[in-house]
Amino acid sequence: MSLQLYAHPFSSYCQKVLTALYENGTPFEWRALTPETPQSMRELSEIWPMRRFPVLVDDGRHVIESTIIIEYLGLFHPGPVRLIPEDPRAALEVRWMDRFFDNYVATPQQKIVFDAMRAENERDARGVADARAMLDTSYAFLDRVMATREWAAGNAFSLADCAAAPFLFYADWCHRIGAEFANVIAYRKRLLARPSFARAVDEARPYRALFPLGAPDRD
């Protein structure tokens, strides 16, 4: 099998790529980065010194960063679901929404998580407060956008939704999406019902005890 994916099932950025792979039924070999598979982490360290994941390996070629991996799959391993539109104007909207979810949902969400993993005397209360405020601003912005859309960039499921699914999933665990953002809540439910993302969520269930804030009894 030419495609190998170095990933952890509970990682949001890995779930982003997994959703894209599952959307198109693209075959790949899991190189799971779990305590039970230390060899995979050693291999990853040789491929990518930053030791960040996911990383895709295609017949010896290394592809790094989740958005680039999904773009790469669309070019070299296309499937029935086109996650980046052929029309450049539509593609620009997809890429913009992908960046929105990466920068303004995932980044503040991860700030909250990583801070919870620190020792008490190393925590950044001001930084966490700022991250929560950014999430509220992002929820409000997204609520307006989703008032007229089924999916993040319009009527078709895309790269942007691959990003939105795990990032909104975990963001709601860190900083609950308020009832006033009904369009965001409804969109998150649609993402959870999408078979590709639902599969990624189910595969990650055994690792929920790792969530430092405590995984809620929902989803």
Protein backbone atom coordinates (compact mmCIF):
# COMPACT_ATOMS: atom_id res chain seq x y z
CA MET A 1 0.00 0.00 0.00
CA SER A 2 1.57 3.29 -1.07
CA LEU A 3 -0.05 5.59 1.51
CA GLN A 4 0.99 5.53 5.15
CA LEU A 5 -0.46 7.93 7.71
CA TYR A 6 1.41 8.71 10.92
CA ALA A 7 -1.34 9.88 13.22
CA HIS A 8 -3.04 9.59 16.59
CA PRO A 9 -6.80 8.87 16.52
CA PHE A 10 -7.56 11.47 19.23
CA SER A 11 -5.72 14.34 17.54
CA SER A 12 -7.93 16.98 15.92
CA TYR A 13 -5.52 17.63 13.05
CA CYS A 14 -5.27 13.90 12.42
CA GLN A 15 -9.05 13.62 12.42
CA LYS A 16 -9.13 16.37 9.82
CA VAL A 17 -7.09 14.20 7.45
CA LEU A 18 -8.90 11.01 8.43
CA THR A 19 -12.22 12.62 7.53
CA ALA A 20 -10.87 13.42 4.06
CA LEU A 21 -9.56 9.88 3.62
CA TYR A 22 -12.83 8.32 4.76
CA GLU A 23 -14.91 10.64 2.57
CA ASN A 24 -13.28 9.12 -0.48
CA GLY A 25 -12.66 5.62 0.81
CA THR A 26 -8.95 6.11 0.15
CA PRO A 27 -6.95 3.07 1.30
CA PHE A 28 -3.99 3.76 3.59
CA GLU A 29 -1.87 2.08 6.23
CA TRP A 30 -2.21 3.36 9.77
CA ARG A 31 1.07 4.15 11.49
CA ALA A 32 -0.55 4.78 14.83
CA LEU A 33 1.33 7.05 17.22
CA THR A 34 0.25 5.39 20.45
CA PRO A 35 2.15 4.03 23.46
CA GLU A 36 1.58 0.54 22.07
CA THR A 37 3.44 1.41 18.84
CA PRO A 38 6.73 3.13 19.81
CA GLN A 39 8.31 2.19 16.48
CA SER A 40 5.91 4.52 14.67
CA MET A 41 7.07 7.51 16.73
CA ARG A 42 10.71 6.63 16.06
CA GLU A 43 9.95 6.51 12.34
CA LEU A 44 8.09 9.84 12.53
CA SER A 45 11.05 11.47 14.29
CA GLU A 46 13.32 10.47 11.42
CA ILE A 47 10.85 11.77 8.83
CA TRP A 48 9.97 15.05 10.54
CA PRO A 49 12.18 16.38 13.38
CA MET A 50 9.35 18.58 14.68
CA ARG A 51 7.53 15.33 15.60
CA ARG A 52 4.19 16.93 14.81
CA PHE A 53 1.47 14.95 13.14
CA PRO A 54 -0.23 13.91 10.93
CA VAL A 55 2.38 13.07 8.32
CA LEU A 56 1.54 11.24 5.10
CA VAL A 57 4.09 9.09 3.29
CA ASP A 58 3.37 8.23 -0.33
CA ASP A 59 5.85 5.78 -1.79
CA GLY A 60 8.70 7.51 0.04
CA ARG A 61 7.44 11.07 -0.45
CA HIS A 62 6.69 12.94 2.79
CA VAL A 63 3.68 15.25 3.00
CA ILE A 64 3.38 17.41 6.11
CA GLU A 65 0.55 19.54 7.59
CA SER A 66 -3.10 18.52 7.43
CA THR A 67 -4.30 21.04 4.83
CA ILE A 68 -1.41 20.21 2.51
CA ILE A 69 -2.08 16.50 2.94
CA ILE A 70 -5.71 16.94 1.87
CA GLU A 71 -4.66 19.08 -1.09
CA TYR A 72 -2.10 16.42 -2.01
CA LEU A 73 -4.68 13.65 -1.84
CA GLY A 74 -6.94 15.61 -4.17
CA LEU A 75 -4.15 15.92 -6.71
CA PHE A 76 -2.55 12.48 -6.56
CA HIS A 77 -5.21 10.21 -5.06
CA PRO A 78 -8.53 11.77 -6.07
CA GLY A 79 -11.80 10.10 -5.14
CA PRO A 80 -15.48 10.66 -5.87
CA VAL A 81 -15.77 13.54 -3.38
CA ARG A 82 -13.91 16.63 -4.56
CA LEU A 83 -12.91 18.47 -1.38
CA ILE A 84 -11.45 21.50 -3.18
CA PRO A 85 -13.61 22.84 -6.01
CA GLU A 86 -12.25 23.09 -9.50
CA ASP A 87 -13.57 26.64 -9.85
CA PRO A 88 -10.86 28.91 -8.40
CA ARG A 89 -13.34 31.34 -6.85
CA ALA A 90 -15.15 28.58 -5.01
CA ALA A 91 -11.80 27.05 -4.05
CA LEU A 92 -10.71 30.36 -2.54
CA GLU A 93 -13.75 30.38 -0.24
CA VAL A 94 -13.00 26.80 0.82
CA ARG A 95 -9.38 27.67 1.60
CA TRP A 96 -10.40 30.80 3.51
CA MET A 97 -12.83 28.86 5.71
CA ASP A 98 -10.18 26.19 6.27
CA ARG A 99 -7.82 28.88 7.54
CA PHE A 100 -10.59 30.34 9.70
CA PHE A 101 -11.09 27.03 11.50
CA ASP A 102 -7.35 26.44 11.86
CA ASN A 103 -6.50 29.90 13.16
CA TYR A 104 -9.58 31.08 15.02
CA VAL A 105 -11.10 27.87 16.39
CA ALA A 106 -8.30 25.30 16.66
CA THR A 107 -5.64 27.72 17.93
CA PRO A 108 -7.60 29.14 20.90
CA GLN A 109 -9.08 25.70 21.66
CA GLN A 110 -5.61 24.19 21.86
CA LYS A 111 -4.39 27.05 24.02
CA ILE A 112 -7.00 26.06 26.62
CA VAL A 113 -6.08 22.37 26.40
CA PHE A 114 -2.32 22.86 26.56
CA ASP A 115 -2.64 25.25 29.49
CA ALA A 116 -4.62 22.62 31.41
CA MET A 117 -1.70 20.22 30.89
CA ARG A 118 0.77 22.57 32.58
CA ALA A 119 1.73 22.60 36.24
CA GLU A 120 -0.40 24.98 38.27
CA ASN A 121 2.44 27.50 38.68
CA GLU A 122 3.08 27.59 34.90
CA ARG A 123 -0.46 28.33 33.77
CA ASP A 124 -1.40 31.39 31.76
CA ALA A 125 -4.73 32.67 33.05
CA ARG A 126 -4.71 35.77 30.85
CA GLY A 127 -3.87 33.73 27.76
CA VAL A 128 -6.70 31.29 28.46
CA ALA A 129 -9.15 34.16 28.99
CA ASP A 130 -8.08 35.65 25.66
CA ALA A 131 -8.51 32.25 23.99
CA ARG A 132 -12.04 31.91 25.35
CA ALA A 133 -12.87 35.40 24.14
CA MET A 134 -11.57 34.53 20.67
CA LEU A 135 -13.75 31.42 20.60
CA ASP A 136 -16.82 33.49 21.47
CA THR A 137 -15.96 35.90 18.66
CA SER A 138 -15.42 32.98 16.27
CA TYR A 139 -18.73 31.38 17.24
CA ALA A 140 -20.53 34.66 16.59
CA PHE A 141 -18.88 35.10 13.20
CA LEU A 142 -19.56 31.51 12.20
CA ASP A 143 -23.17 31.74 13.32
CA ARG A 144 -23.75 34.52 10.81
CA VAL A 145 -21.97 32.60 8.05
CA MET A 146 -23.89 29.38 8.66
CA ALA A 147 -27.27 31.13 8.63
CA THR A 148 -27.37 30.62 4.85
CA ARG A 149 -25.12 27.57 4.35
CA GLU A 150 -25.37 23.85 4.87
CA TRP A 151 -21.60 23.36 4.83
CA ALA A 152 -18.75 25.71 5.66
CA ALA A 153 -18.15 27.04 2.15
CA GLY A 154 -21.60 26.54 0.65
CA ASN A 155 -23.71 23.56 -0.36
CA ALA A 156 -20.94 20.97 -0.84
CA PHE A 157 -18.85 19.21 1.81
CA SER A 158 -15.22 20.32 1.42
CA LEU A 159 -11.78 20.70 2.92
CA ALA A 160 -13.24 23.43 5.14
CA ASP A 161 -15.65 20.94 6.72
CA CYS A 162 -12.82 18.45 7.28
CA ALA A 163 -11.24 21.22 9.38
CA ALA A 164 -14.44 22.34 11.06
CA ALA A 165 -15.50 18.89 12.24
CA PRO A 166 -12.76 18.10 14.78
CA PHE A 167 -12.07 21.70 15.72
CA LEU A 168 -15.69 22.50 16.62
CA PHE A 169 -15.99 19.09 18.23
CA TYR A 170 -13.22 19.81 20.72
CA ALA A 171 -13.89 23.54 21.00
CA ASP A 172 -17.33 22.79 22.42
CA TRP A 173 -15.68 20.56 25.01
CA CYS A 174 -13.31 23.39 26.02
CA HIS A 175 -15.63 26.37 25.77
CA ARG A 176 -19.28 25.42 25.27
CA ILE A 177 -20.98 26.83 22.18
CA GLY A 178 -23.73 29.04 23.63
CA ALA A 179 -27.41 28.52 22.85
CA GLU A 180 -27.44 31.90 21.11
CA PHE A 181 -25.28 30.37 18.37
CA ALA A 182 -27.99 28.02 17.10
CA ASN A 183 -26.58 27.88 13.56
CA VAL A 184 -23.19 26.73 14.84
CA ILE A 185 -24.78 24.09 17.06
CA ALA A 186 -26.83 22.79 14.14
CA TYR A 187 -23.77 22.74 11.90
CA ARG A 188 -21.75 20.83 14.50
CA LYS A 189 -24.54 18.24 14.67
CA ARG A 190 -24.46 17.85 10.88
CA LEU A 191 -20.71 17.28 11.04
CA LEU A 192 -21.11 14.64 13.74
CA ALA A 193 -23.71 12.88 11.59
CA ARG A 194 -21.41 12.79 8.56
CA PRO A 195 -20.25 9.14 8.27
CA SER A 196 -16.62 10.05 7.57
CA PHE A 197 -16.25 12.17 10.70
CA ALA A 198 -18.44 9.90 12.81
CA ARG A 199 -15.98 7.10 12.04
CA ALA A 200 -13.05 9.24 13.19
CA VAL A 201 -14.89 10.12 16.40
CA ASP A 202 -15.69 6.48 17.11
CA GLU A 203 -12.08 5.42 16.54
CA ALA A 204 -10.95 8.00 19.09
CA ARG A 205 -13.39 7.00 21.85
CA PRO A 206 -10.91 4.71 23.66
CA TYR A 207 -8.61 7.71 24.20
CA ARG A 208 -11.10 10.12 25.78
CA ALA A 209 -9.52 9.69 29.20
CA LEU A 210 -6.52 11.59 27.79
CA PHE A 211 -8.51 14.84 27.50
CA PRO A 212 -7.04 17.02 30.27
CA LEU A 213 -10.25 18.93 30.97
CA GLY A 214 -12.30 15.75 31.24
CA ALA A 215 -14.35 14.54 28.28
CA PRO A 216 -18.04 15.46 28.68
CA ASP A 217 -20.77 12.80 28.65
CA ARG A 218 -22.01 13.73 25.18
CA ASP A 219 -21.06 13.28 21.54
